[in-house]
């Protein structure tokens, strides 16, 4: 197999003794998560494994790729061989970011060859079409196993959700930066110098250092990448995934809140709900159904927040009544006719009331006014 290897083709092989297993998510979305388990046939149990990558200036993608591999049992004690010597690389059990070959069966994961244009979309049936770096290639094939090792989660659905999220919010940035893909068109108004890639690059020994400890610097860069990767996985495992459960429960109970089913209530405040809400609406085939979210703030007052038209949009599906916007306290209560008013934002995307009933009434009246305006 050459540069254009597709994981669906790779899946059909026997994995040359490495136990290559491709698993489709139980969520039914058709995405493929490639897992390469087991050990290389080159070494017997107890023999030292080796990970090859290029020498010279190191970059975030191969540093992160090496760190991810070393989280796996088969590579945990592996020696990292930094060289461009083809003979030395050929003796390595796995090679990343050097060699000019992408061949999962031979455990070769480079992306620099002119013919390589692989992405999570083209190689793994994901939704992202950013060209993969060596970090993305290793993540494509080993990412789920890395996450399993770090979290000890065995639920394939949860692993799949974490896998997608970590790619979207962490790995894709590394891929894009390494491949020189601009985040936007036009002249940037400022420079970003504190990204992970920039900080990894800053660990390279200075050009005029007479006795550089390159391997030590590489090891420190791996530790930095690993800490950030682990922290990100920990957040999504311990905070983001549990938040989805709360959103699911709120959507299931929406008709108990209001007959329209357009208002949901959260039992706990502060959970990251927007992304989950859009995902669940899509899964349930009810896009745009939810208009308002009610929850308590840190002072135990109630908030009514409008759902945006799209994720990241500043436009609301149904902003609060126009004549309430920008008002506070007694003035708001008098104009709205709802006691215990606290505020309504000038754009109408959020408001507050001292009671649950008051916040709910704000949402209900807004729904009624919106229907009247449409009719």
Protein backbone atom coordinates (compact mmCIF):
# COMPACT_ATOMS: atom_id res chain seq x y z
CA UNK A 1 0.00 0.00 0.00
CA UNK A 2 1.23 3.48 -0.81
CA UNK A 3 0.42 7.07 0.01
CA UNK A 4 -3.30 6.84 -0.60
CA UNK A 5 -4.07 3.98 1.77
CA UNK A 6 -7.68 3.94 2.92
CA UNK A 7 -8.45 2.41 6.27
CA UNK A 8 -11.34 0.48 4.77
CA UNK A 9 -8.87 -1.30 2.49
CA UNK A 10 -6.43 -1.73 5.35
CA UNK A 11 -9.17 -3.27 7.49
CA UNK A 12 -9.55 -6.20 5.08
CA UNK A 13 -6.01 -7.43 5.62
CA UNK A 14 -4.90 -9.69 8.43
CA UNK A 15 -2.76 -6.97 9.96
CA UNK A 16 0.48 -8.95 9.52
CA UNK A 17 0.18 -10.32 13.03
CA UNK A 18 -0.53 -6.94 14.66
CA UNK A 19 -4.24 -7.47 15.23
CA UNK A 20 -5.44 -4.58 13.04
CA UNK A 21 -9.07 -4.05 13.94
CA UNK A 22 -11.43 -1.48 12.49
CA UNK A 23 -14.48 -0.70 14.59
CA UNK A 24 -17.52 1.21 13.48
CA UNK A 25 -19.19 3.32 16.09
CA UNK A 26 -22.37 1.94 17.63
CA UNK A 27 -23.89 5.38 17.09
CA UNK A 28 -24.68 4.45 13.52
CA UNK A 29 -23.02 7.46 11.94
CA UNK A 30 -20.76 5.43 9.69
CA UNK A 31 -17.52 6.83 11.05
CA UNK A 32 -14.58 4.48 11.28
CA UNK A 33 -12.20 4.35 14.19
CA UNK A 34 -9.05 2.40 13.39
CA UNK A 35 -7.38 0.45 16.14
CA UNK A 36 -4.01 -1.24 15.78
CA UNK A 37 -3.54 -3.45 18.81
CA UNK A 38 -0.91 -5.92 19.87
CA UNK A 39 2.83 -5.93 19.27
CA UNK A 40 5.04 -5.86 16.22
CA UNK A 41 6.05 -9.23 14.76
CA UNK A 42 9.64 -7.96 14.62
CA UNK A 43 10.22 -8.40 18.34
CA UNK A 44 9.58 -11.09 20.88
CA UNK A 45 8.20 -10.36 24.34
CA UNK A 46 10.72 -8.45 26.43
CA UNK A 47 12.76 -7.17 23.49
CA UNK A 48 13.08 -3.41 23.19
CA UNK A 49 10.91 -1.64 20.63
CA UNK A 50 11.98 1.45 18.71
CA UNK A 51 10.12 4.47 17.33
CA UNK A 52 11.85 6.26 14.47
CA UNK A 53 11.47 9.93 13.62
CA UNK A 54 13.64 12.58 11.99
CA UNK A 55 16.53 14.35 13.66
CA UNK A 56 17.25 18.08 13.54
CA UNK A 57 14.61 20.63 14.53
CA UNK A 58 11.60 18.92 16.07
CA UNK A 59 8.00 19.97 15.64
CA UNK A 60 4.78 19.48 17.52
CA UNK A 61 3.38 16.78 15.24
CA UNK A 62 6.12 14.15 15.61
CA UNK A 63 6.65 15.01 19.27
CA UNK A 64 2.97 14.41 19.96
CA UNK A 65 2.94 11.31 17.74
CA UNK A 66 5.83 9.79 19.71
CA UNK A 67 4.18 10.63 23.03
CA UNK A 68 0.89 9.00 21.99
CA UNK A 69 2.66 5.84 20.90
CA UNK A 70 4.51 5.62 24.20
CA UNK A 71 1.17 5.54 26.06
CA UNK A 72 0.49 2.13 24.50
CA UNK A 73 1.78 -1.05 26.19
CA UNK A 74 3.69 -2.21 23.11
CA UNK A 75 5.64 1.05 22.84
CA UNK A 76 5.71 2.24 26.45
CA UNK A 77 9.41 1.46 26.90
CA UNK A 78 10.35 2.04 23.27
CA UNK A 79 13.52 3.90 22.38
CA UNK A 80 13.03 6.95 20.18
CA UNK A 81 15.53 6.93 17.33
CA UNK A 82 15.95 10.37 15.76
CA UNK A 83 17.65 10.03 12.40
CA UNK A 84 17.19 10.41 8.65
CA UNK A 85 19.41 7.42 7.84
CA UNK A 86 17.21 5.01 5.81
CA UNK A 87 19.07 1.98 7.15
CA UNK A 88 18.50 2.98 10.77
CA UNK A 89 14.86 3.86 10.09
CA UNK A 90 14.25 0.51 8.39
CA UNK A 91 15.32 -1.22 11.61
CA UNK A 92 12.72 0.70 13.66
CA UNK A 93 9.48 -1.02 14.57
CA UNK A 94 7.43 2.07 13.73
CA UNK A 95 8.39 5.31 11.97
CA UNK A 96 6.64 8.70 12.10
CA UNK A 97 7.12 11.95 10.16
CA UNK A 98 10.03 10.75 8.05
CA UNK A 99 10.73 8.25 5.30
CA UNK A 100 8.26 9.42 2.66
CA UNK A 101 5.87 6.50 3.16
CA UNK A 102 2.39 6.12 4.60
CA UNK A 103 1.76 2.40 4.98
CA UNK A 104 -0.17 1.34 8.11
CA UNK A 105 0.64 -2.33 7.52
CA UNK A 106 4.35 -1.60 7.70
CA UNK A 107 3.81 0.92 10.52
CA UNK A 108 5.14 3.82 8.46
CA UNK A 109 3.41 7.15 9.06
CA UNK A 110 4.84 10.03 7.05
CA UNK A 111 2.85 12.80 5.37
CA UNK A 112 5.51 14.76 3.47
CA UNK A 113 5.34 12.88 0.18
CA UNK A 114 3.81 14.91 -2.68
CA UNK A 115 1.10 12.34 -3.36
CA UNK A 116 -0.20 12.31 0.22
CA UNK A 117 -3.44 14.22 0.84
CA UNK A 118 -4.97 11.99 3.51
CA UNK A 119 -7.43 13.37 6.05
CA UNK A 120 -9.74 11.96 8.70
CA UNK A 121 -12.48 12.21 6.07
CA UNK A 122 -10.68 10.38 3.26
CA UNK A 123 -8.87 7.79 5.37
CA UNK A 124 -11.23 7.29 8.29
CA UNK A 125 -14.69 8.42 7.11
CA UNK A 126 -14.64 11.27 9.65
CA UNK A 127 -16.01 14.72 8.88
CA UNK A 128 -12.68 16.61 8.88
CA UNK A 129 -10.85 17.21 5.61
CA UNK A 130 -7.71 18.84 7.02
CA UNK A 131 -4.59 17.12 5.72
CA UNK A 132 -3.08 14.91 8.42
CA UNK A 133 0.35 15.37 9.93
CA UNK A 134 2.20 12.54 11.63
CA UNK A 135 0.23 13.34 14.80
CA UNK A 136 -3.04 12.96 12.92
CA UNK A 137 -1.93 9.72 11.28
CA UNK A 138 -0.94 8.18 14.59
CA UNK A 139 -4.16 9.43 16.13
CA UNK A 140 -6.20 8.00 13.24
CA UNK A 141 -4.78 4.53 13.79
CA UNK A 142 -4.02 4.48 17.52
CA UNK A 143 -6.08 7.32 19.02
CA UNK A 144 -8.86 5.20 20.48
CA UNK A 145 -6.36 2.90 22.15
CA UNK A 146 -4.50 5.89 23.60
CA UNK A 147 -7.74 7.28 25.00
CA UNK A 148 -8.64 3.85 26.40
CA UNK A 149 -5.28 3.64 28.14
CA UNK A 150 -5.63 7.11 29.66
CA UNK A 151 -9.28 6.86 30.74
CA UNK A 152 -9.75 3.11 31.33
CA UNK A 153 -13.15 3.52 29.65
CA UNK A 154 -14.44 0.40 27.89
CA UNK A 155 -17.68 1.79 26.45
CA UNK A 156 -17.10 2.06 22.68
CA UNK A 157 -19.69 4.82 22.26
CA UNK A 158 -18.02 7.03 24.89
CA UNK A 159 -14.57 6.30 23.46
CA UNK A 160 -15.82 7.26 20.01
CA UNK A 161 -17.23 10.57 21.25
CA UNK A 162 -13.99 11.40 23.04
CA UNK A 163 -12.00 10.38 19.95
CA UNK A 164 -13.94 12.76 17.72
CA UNK A 165 -13.84 15.60 20.21
CA UNK A 166 -10.09 15.33 20.88
CA UNK A 167 -9.41 15.37 17.16
CA UNK A 168 -11.64 18.38 16.55
CA UNK A 169 -10.41 20.43 19.51
CA UNK A 170 -6.76 19.35 19.73
CA UNK A 171 -5.22 17.18 17.03
CA UNK A 172 -6.65 19.00 13.99
CA UNK A 173 -4.90 22.22 15.01
CA UNK A 174 -1.57 20.38 15.10
CA UNK A 175 -2.27 18.87 11.66
CA UNK A 176 -3.22 22.21 10.12
CA UNK A 177 -0.28 24.16 11.56
CA UNK A 178 2.26 21.54 10.51
CA UNK A 179 0.87 21.42 6.97
CA UNK A 180 0.77 25.21 6.67
CA UNK A 181 -3.00 25.45 6.36
CA UNK A 182 -4.29 28.94 7.12
CA UNK A 183 -7.12 29.18 9.61
CA UNK A 184 -8.63 32.04 7.60
CA UNK A 185 -7.93 34.15 4.52
CA UNK A 186 -6.53 37.66 4.62
CA UNK A 187 -3.92 39.39 6.74
CA UNK A 188 -3.96 38.42 10.41
CA UNK A 189 -4.52 41.29 12.83
CA UNK A 190 -2.22 39.70 15.43
CA UNK A 191 0.27 36.86 15.80
CA UNK A 192 -0.33 33.78 17.91
CA UNK A 193 2.92 32.77 19.60
CA UNK A 194 1.64 30.79 22.58
CA UNK A 195 0.05 27.83 20.79
CA UNK A 196 1.25 24.33 21.60
CA UNK A 197 3.17 24.19 18.33
CA UNK A 198 4.93 27.47 19.07
CA UNK A 199 5.86 26.36 22.57
CA UNK A 200 7.19 23.04 21.31
CA UNK A 201 9.23 24.86 18.69
CA UNK A 202 10.62 27.15 21.39
CA UNK A 203 12.14 24.16 23.17
CA UNK A 204 14.55 23.49 20.31
CA UNK A 205 18.10 24.45 21.32
CA UNK A 206 19.16 27.91 20.11
CA UNK A 207 20.98 27.98 16.78
CA UNK A 208 24.17 29.21 18.41
CA UNK A 209 24.22 26.70 21.27
CA UNK A 210 27.63 24.98 21.23
CA UNK A 211 26.63 21.89 23.22
CA UNK A 212 22.91 21.31 22.64
CA UNK A 213 21.02 18.57 24.48
CA UNK A 214 18.61 17.87 21.63
CA UNK A 215 17.27 14.62 23.04
CA UNK A 216 16.64 16.23 26.40
CA UNK A 217 14.78 19.05 24.67
CA UNK A 218 12.75 16.53 22.66
CA UNK A 219 11.84 14.69 25.86
CA UNK A 220 10.69 17.94 27.49
CA UNK A 221 8.60 18.69 24.42
CA UNK A 222 6.99 15.25 24.66
CA UNK A 223 6.17 15.87 28.30
CA UNK A 224 4.58 19.21 27.41
CA UNK A 225 2.47 17.69 24.63
CA UNK A 226 1.50 14.77 26.83
CA UNK A 227 0.41 17.01 29.68
CA UNK A 228 -1.85 19.06 27.42
CA UNK A 229 -3.26 15.98 25.69
CA UNK A 230 -3.95 14.29 29.02
CA UNK A 231 -5.54 17.42 30.49
CA UNK A 232 -7.81 17.72 27.46
CA UNK A 233 -8.88 14.07 27.64
CA UNK A 234 -9.48 14.44 31.39
CA UNK A 235 -11.74 17.45 30.85
CA UNK A 236 -13.81 15.78 28.16
CA UNK A 237 -14.04 12.56 30.15
CA UNK A 238 -14.94 14.12 33.50
CA UNK A 239 -16.90 17.23 32.47
CA UNK A 240 -17.94 17.19 28.82
CA UNK A 241 -19.29 13.62 28.62
CA UNK A 242 -21.32 13.92 31.87
CA UNK A 243 -22.80 17.18 30.54
CA UNK A 244 -24.23 15.29 27.59
CA UNK A 245 -26.20 13.09 29.98
CA UNK A 246 -27.76 16.17 31.56
CA UNK A 247 -28.71 17.57 28.16
CA UNK A 248 -30.20 14.23 27.09
CA UNK A 249 -32.31 14.09 30.26
CA UNK A 250 -33.48 17.68 29.79
CA UNK A 251 -34.53 17.07 26.19
CA UNK A 252 -36.35 13.87 27.13
CA UNK A 253 -38.33 15.80 29.77
CA UNK A 254 -39.03 18.86 27.62
CA UNK A 255 -42.77 18.23 27.26
CA UNK A 256 -43.08 18.12 31.03
CA UNK A 257 -41.84 21.70 31.10
CA UNK A 258 -44.09 23.10 28.38
CA UNK A 259 -46.48 21.54 25.91
CA UNK A 260 -44.54 22.98 22.97
CA UNK A 261 -41.45 20.94 23.86
CA UNK A 262 -39.40 24.04 23.03
CA UNK A 263 -38.17 24.77 26.57
CA UNK A 264 -35.76 22.62 28.56
CA UNK A 265 -34.56 22.89 32.17
CA UNK A 266 -31.19 21.88 33.55
CA UNK A 267 -30.95 20.43 37.04
CA UNK A 268 -27.36 21.70 37.37
CA UNK A 269 -25.94 25.05 36.31
CA UNK A 270 -22.74 25.66 34.41
CA UNK A 271 -22.71 22.57 32.21
CA UNK A 272 -21.50 23.04 28.59
CA UNK A 273 -24.78 22.36 26.81
CA UNK A 274 -24.80 24.02 23.39
CA UNK A 275 -22.73 21.55 21.42
CA UNK A 276 -24.52 18.59 22.95
CA UNK A 277 -27.92 20.13 22.26
CA UNK A 278 -27.18 20.54 18.55
CA UNK A 279 -25.75 17.02 18.33
CA UNK A 280 -28.75 15.46 20.08
CA UNK A 281 -31.25 17.44 18.01
CA UNK A 282 -29.56 16.08 14.90
CA UNK A 283 -29.55 12.52 16.24
CA UNK A 284 -33.24 12.75 17.17
CA UNK A 285 -34.03 14.44 13.83
CA UNK A 286 -35.57 17.47 15.57
CA UNK A 287 -33.28 20.29 14.34
CA UNK A 288 -34.27 23.68 15.73
CA UNK A 289 -36.81 22.24 18.15
CA UNK A 290 -35.43 23.72 21.38
CA UNK A 291 -35.75 27.49 21.77
CA UNK A 292 -34.95 28.15 25.44
CA UNK A 293 -32.80 26.74 28.22
CA UNK A 294 -33.60 27.43 31.89
CA UNK A 295 -31.06 27.01 34.69
CA UNK A 296 -30.04 28.50 38.02
CA UNK A 297 -27.02 30.79 38.31
CA UNK A 298 -24.47 30.85 41.13
CA UNK A 299 -26.76 33.11 43.19
CA UNK A 300 -29.66 30.62 42.81
CA UNK A 301 -31.60 33.01 40.59
CA UNK A 302 -33.01 31.64 37.35
CA UNK A 303 -31.79 32.35 33.84
CA UNK A 304 -33.62 31.91 30.58
CA UNK A 305 -31.17 31.62 27.70
CA UNK A 306 -32.08 31.49 24.04
CA UNK A 307 -30.65 28.74 21.87
CA UNK A 308 -28.54 30.21 19.04
CA UNK A 309 -29.52 29.61 15.43
CA UNK A 310 -26.32 27.67 14.85
CA UNK A 311 -23.43 26.65 17.07
CA UNK A 312 -21.29 29.74 17.62
CA UNK A 313 -23.87 32.12 16.21
CA UNK A 314 -24.84 35.35 17.99
CA UNK A 315 -28.33 35.14 16.48
CA UNK A 316 -30.98 33.44 18.62
CA UNK A 317 -33.69 31.12 17.36
CA UNK A 318 -36.23 33.11 19.36
CA UNK A 319 -34.81 36.16 21.19
CA UNK A 320 -36.68 37.43 24.23
CA UNK A 321 -39.46 39.98 23.68
CA UNK A 322 -38.06 43.12 22.08
CA UNK A 323 -39.61 45.64 24.48
CA UNK A 324 -37.97 43.88 27.46
CA UNK A 325 -34.44 44.15 26.11
CA UNK A 326 -32.03 46.25 28.10
CA UNK A 327 -34.42 46.57 31.07
CA UNK A 328 -33.71 45.62 34.67
CA UNK A 329 -35.40 44.96 38.01
CA UNK A 330 -38.65 46.83 38.73
CA UNK A 331 -38.78 48.42 35.29
CA UNK A 332 -38.53 45.00 33.66
CA UNK A 333 -41.16 43.52 35.96
CA UNK A 334 -43.56 46.39 35.22
CA UNK A 335 -43.16 46.27 31.43
CA UNK A 336 -43.22 42.46 31.20
CA UNK A 337 -45.93 41.91 33.79
CA UNK A 338 -43.76 39.19 35.36
CA UNK A 339 -42.78 39.74 39.03
CA UNK A 340 -39.21 39.40 40.30
CA UNK A 341 -37.52 40.39 37.05
CA UNK A 342 -33.75 40.86 37.13
CA UNK A 343 -32.63 41.73 33.60
CA UNK A 344 -32.88 41.08 29.88
CA UNK A 345 -29.75 41.53 27.77
CA UNK A 346 -29.87 44.26 25.14
CA UNK A 347 -29.67 41.65 22.36
CA UNK A 348 -32.40 39.51 23.94
CA UNK A 349 -30.30 36.34 24.07
CA UNK A 350 -30.59 35.92 27.86
CA UNK A 351 -32.62 37.14 30.80
CA UNK A 352 -33.01 36.54 34.51
CA UNK A 353 -35.70 36.22 37.16
CA UNK A 354 -35.57 35.46 40.87
CA UNK A 355 -37.89 32.47 40.46
CA UNK A 356 -38.21 29.45 38.20
CA UNK A 357 -41.82 30.33 37.44
CA UNK A 358 -40.80 33.83 36.40
CA UNK A 359 -38.07 32.60 34.05
CA UNK A 360 -40.43 30.02 32.56
CA UNK A 361 -43.07 32.70 32.02
CA UNK A 362 -40.54 34.84 30.15
CA UNK A 363 -39.89 31.96 27.75
CA UNK A 364 -43.58 31.14 27.33
CA UNK A 365 -44.57 34.74 26.57
CA UNK A 366 -41.73 35.05 24.07
CA UNK A 367 -42.96 31.92 22.28
CA UNK A 368 -46.48 33.34 22.12
CA UNK A 369 -45.27 36.71 20.79
CA UNK A 370 -43.06 35.00 18.20
CA UNK A 371 -45.95 32.89 16.92
CA UNK A 372 -48.16 35.97 16.70
CA UNK A 373 -45.55 37.82 14.67
CA UNK A 374 -45.17 34.90 12.28
CA UNK A 375 -48.93 34.55 11.74
